[in-house]
Protein backbone atom coordinates (compact mmCIF):
# COMPACT_ATOMS: atom_id res chain seq x y z
CA MET A 1 75.72 90.60 156.89
CA LYS A 2 73.68 90.63 154.34
CA VAL A 3 74.06 94.07 153.42
CA LEU A 4 77.98 94.24 153.72
CA ILE A 5 77.52 91.15 150.93
CA VAL A 6 75.19 93.04 148.76
CA ALA A 7 77.25 96.27 149.21
CA ILE A 8 81.01 94.13 148.16
CA ALA A 9 79.12 92.44 145.08
CA ILE A 10 77.82 95.64 143.91
CA LEU A 11 81.13 97.12 144.64
CA ALA A 12 82.69 94.05 142.53
CA LEU A 13 80.39 94.65 139.83
CA SER A 14 80.65 98.33 139.39
CA VAL A 15 84.79 97.87 139.37
CA THR A 16 84.47 95.30 136.90
CA ALA A 17 82.06 97.69 134.58
CA GLY A 18 84.06 100.20 134.86
CA ALA A 19 87.39 98.58 133.52
CA ARG A 20 85.35 97.79 130.27
CA GLU A 21 87.22 99.66 127.72
CA ILE A 22 89.92 99.32 124.64
CA ASP A 23 92.57 101.57 126.28
CA GLY A 24 95.97 99.86 125.41
CA ALA A 25 94.43 98.39 121.87
CA PHE A 26 97.09 99.36 119.08
CA VAL A 27 98.07 98.47 115.37
CA THR A 28 102.17 97.90 114.22
CA LEU A 29 103.29 97.27 110.71
CA VAL A 30 105.15 94.21 110.47
CA SER A 31 106.25 94.53 106.69
CA PRO A 32 108.11 95.67 104.83
CA PRO A 33 109.96 97.82 107.20
CA PRO A 34 109.98 101.93 106.07
CA LEU A 35 113.56 101.14 104.20
CA ASP A 36 112.45 98.46 102.32
CA ILE A 37 109.12 100.56 100.67
CA VAL A 38 110.21 100.39 96.91
CA PRO A 39 108.40 103.18 94.69
CA ALA A 40 106.43 102.25 91.60
CA THR A 41 105.63 98.48 92.94
CA VAL A 42 102.95 96.65 94.57
CA MET A 43 104.20 95.57 98.09
CA THR A 44 101.80 93.57 100.83
CA PHE A 45 101.52 95.71 104.04
CA ILE A 46 101.37 93.57 107.02
CA PHE A 47 99.97 94.87 110.67
CA TRP A 48 99.81 93.41 113.84
CA VAL A 49 96.39 94.85 116.01
CA GLN A 50 96.24 94.04 119.59
CA ASN A 51 93.58 94.28 122.03
CA ASP A 52 95.92 94.94 125.01
CA SER A 53 93.03 96.59 127.02
CA GLY A 54 92.97 93.50 129.59
CA ASP A 55 89.44 93.70 129.91
CA ALA A 56 86.27 92.32 128.36
CA GLU A 57 85.58 94.76 125.66
CA TRP A 58 86.17 93.44 122.05
CA LEU A 59 87.81 94.90 119.13
CA SER A 60 85.14 95.51 116.06
CA ASN A 61 86.60 97.34 113.49
CA ILE A 62 90.21 98.07 112.13
CA HIS A 63 90.86 101.08 109.65
CA ILE A 64 94.39 101.89 108.02
CA THR A 65 94.82 104.88 105.82
CA PHE A 66 97.29 104.72 103.59
CA PRO A 67 99.28 108.20 102.14
CA ASP A 68 98.12 109.86 99.37
CA GLY A 69 99.14 108.25 95.81
CA PHE A 70 98.97 104.38 97.76
CA ASN A 71 96.16 102.50 95.49
CA LEU A 72 94.94 99.34 97.68
CA VAL A 73 93.88 96.33 96.11
CA GLU A 74 91.05 95.08 97.64
CA PRO A 75 90.81 90.89 97.32
CA SER A 76 94.33 91.34 98.19
CA MET A 77 92.85 91.78 101.58
CA GLY A 78 93.39 89.13 104.33
CA PHE A 79 93.57 88.17 108.28
CA ALA A 80 94.77 85.81 110.28
CA GLU A 81 92.49 83.47 112.46
CA ILE A 82 92.62 83.54 115.92
CA THR A 83 89.85 80.55 116.21
CA GLY A 84 87.91 78.52 113.94
CA GLY A 85 85.64 81.19 112.17
CA ARG A 86 86.86 84.35 113.92
CA PRO A 87 87.50 87.12 113.53
CA ASP A 88 84.91 87.53 110.80
CA PHE A 89 85.82 90.57 109.12
CA VAL A 90 84.19 91.71 105.86
CA MET A 91 87.02 93.18 104.30
CA THR A 92 86.76 96.41 101.98
CA VAL A 93 88.62 99.11 100.64
CA ASP A 94 87.29 102.97 100.69
CA GLY A 95 89.84 104.99 98.57
CA GLN A 96 92.80 105.11 101.12
CA ILE A 97 91.13 103.40 103.96
CA ALA A 98 91.64 99.63 103.94
CA GLN A 99 88.89 98.24 106.09
CA TRP A 100 88.45 95.17 108.66
CA ASP A 101 85.03 95.63 109.96
CA ASP A 102 82.75 93.21 112.52
CA GLY A 103 80.93 90.66 110.18
CA ASN A 104 78.41 89.27 112.79
CA ALA A 105 76.21 92.18 114.16
CA GLY A 106 78.39 93.52 116.56
CA TYR A 107 79.87 91.28 118.77
CA GLY A 108 83.13 91.97 118.20
CA GLU A 109 86.23 89.97 116.59
CA ILE A 110 89.56 90.25 118.75
CA TYR A 111 88.74 89.54 122.39
CA SER A 112 90.89 91.26 125.29
CA THR A 113 94.56 90.26 125.21
CA GLU A 114 94.27 88.88 122.02
CA GLY A 115 96.44 89.57 118.69
CA THR A 116 96.04 88.86 114.81
CA GLU A 117 97.49 89.84 111.63
CA VAL A 118 95.86 92.08 108.84
CA TRP A 119 97.10 92.20 105.15
CA VAL A 120 96.23 94.21 101.90
CA ASP A 121 98.19 94.85 99.24
CA ALA A 122 99.15 98.28 97.92
CA PHE A 123 100.74 99.69 94.75
CA VAL A 124 103.78 102.31 95.88
CA PRO A 125 103.58 105.37 93.71
CA GLY A 126 106.75 106.22 91.99
CA CYS A 127 107.15 109.61 94.04
CA TYR A 128 106.94 108.25 97.05
CA ASP A 129 109.68 108.91 99.49
CA CYS A 130 108.26 108.91 103.05
CA GLY A 131 104.81 109.56 104.93
CA GLU A 132 102.45 108.39 107.63
CA MET A 133 99.46 105.62 107.82
CA TYR A 134 96.64 106.31 110.23
CA TRP A 135 95.05 103.43 112.47
CA GLU A 136 91.91 103.23 113.88
CA LEU A 137 90.29 100.59 116.36
CA TRP A 138 86.64 100.46 117.40
CA GLY A 139 85.35 98.53 120.34
CA ASP A 140 81.66 96.63 120.40
CA ILE A 141 80.76 99.85 122.57
CA TRP A 142 80.32 97.72 125.96
CA GLY A 143 80.98 99.23 129.17
CA GLU A 144 83.31 102.37 129.53
CA GLU A 145 84.65 104.87 127.26
CA PRO A 146 87.12 104.83 125.36
CA HIS A 147 85.76 102.79 122.60
CA TYR A 148 87.71 104.65 120.22
CA VAL A 149 91.47 104.65 119.65
CA ASP A 150 93.90 105.80 117.06
CA GLY A 151 97.44 106.23 116.32
CA VAL A 152 100.31 106.72 113.50
CA ILE A 153 102.66 104.65 111.76
CA ASP A 154 105.46 106.48 110.66
CA LEU A 155 107.06 105.48 107.22
CA CYS A 156 109.91 107.73 107.20
CA PRO A 157 112.88 105.87 107.44
CA SER A 158 115.53 107.37 109.46
CA PRO A 159 119.00 106.68 109.96
CA VAL A 160 120.07 104.22 112.33
CA GLU A 161 122.64 106.48 113.89
CA GLU A 162 124.30 109.93 113.09
CA SER A 163 127.20 109.94 111.17
CA THR A 164 130.20 111.98 112.37
CA TRP A 165 133.45 112.37 111.07
CA GLY A 166 134.99 110.08 113.62
CA SER A 167 132.65 107.37 112.59
CA ILE A 168 133.39 107.57 109.14
CA LYS A 169 137.23 108.40 109.70
CA GLY A 170 137.09 105.22 111.98
CA LEU A 171 136.41 103.01 108.55
CA TYR A 172 139.34 103.31 107.30
CA ARG A 173 141.72 102.53 109.84
């Protein structure tokens, strides 16, 4: 009986340990919508960062790369607290990359199933008409892989629906 209990305990621990990763974490652009991005202006870009992995690994770093020609305004960076003093990000700009990095020695900042807003002001180049942002999230490197996930935010506005002669003709009835 003792052997069976020990075997069940080891199995339960190994299943839990195997689930520790950040697969499912993501970044989305909250504001401005792509159609509202105005060339030759400074705009505040707000992102939602979600640790949707549903396990015990925490997000520690957020990096968002803006299209060429955007000038990021480092002093304008910020984030919303989830609880008092957390997250604790060190915010920097490195060329086209806005970075929110772990500020407390690797313990992670956004826990499993949590999310928060981060923002930065950026000067939009006068020649801007569309582009892509790339995001990267790092975990606190605890448990199983992946400890890193990435994706793309498409800034190219697309029409809501394709216009046809019938849809245009319907406007004049």
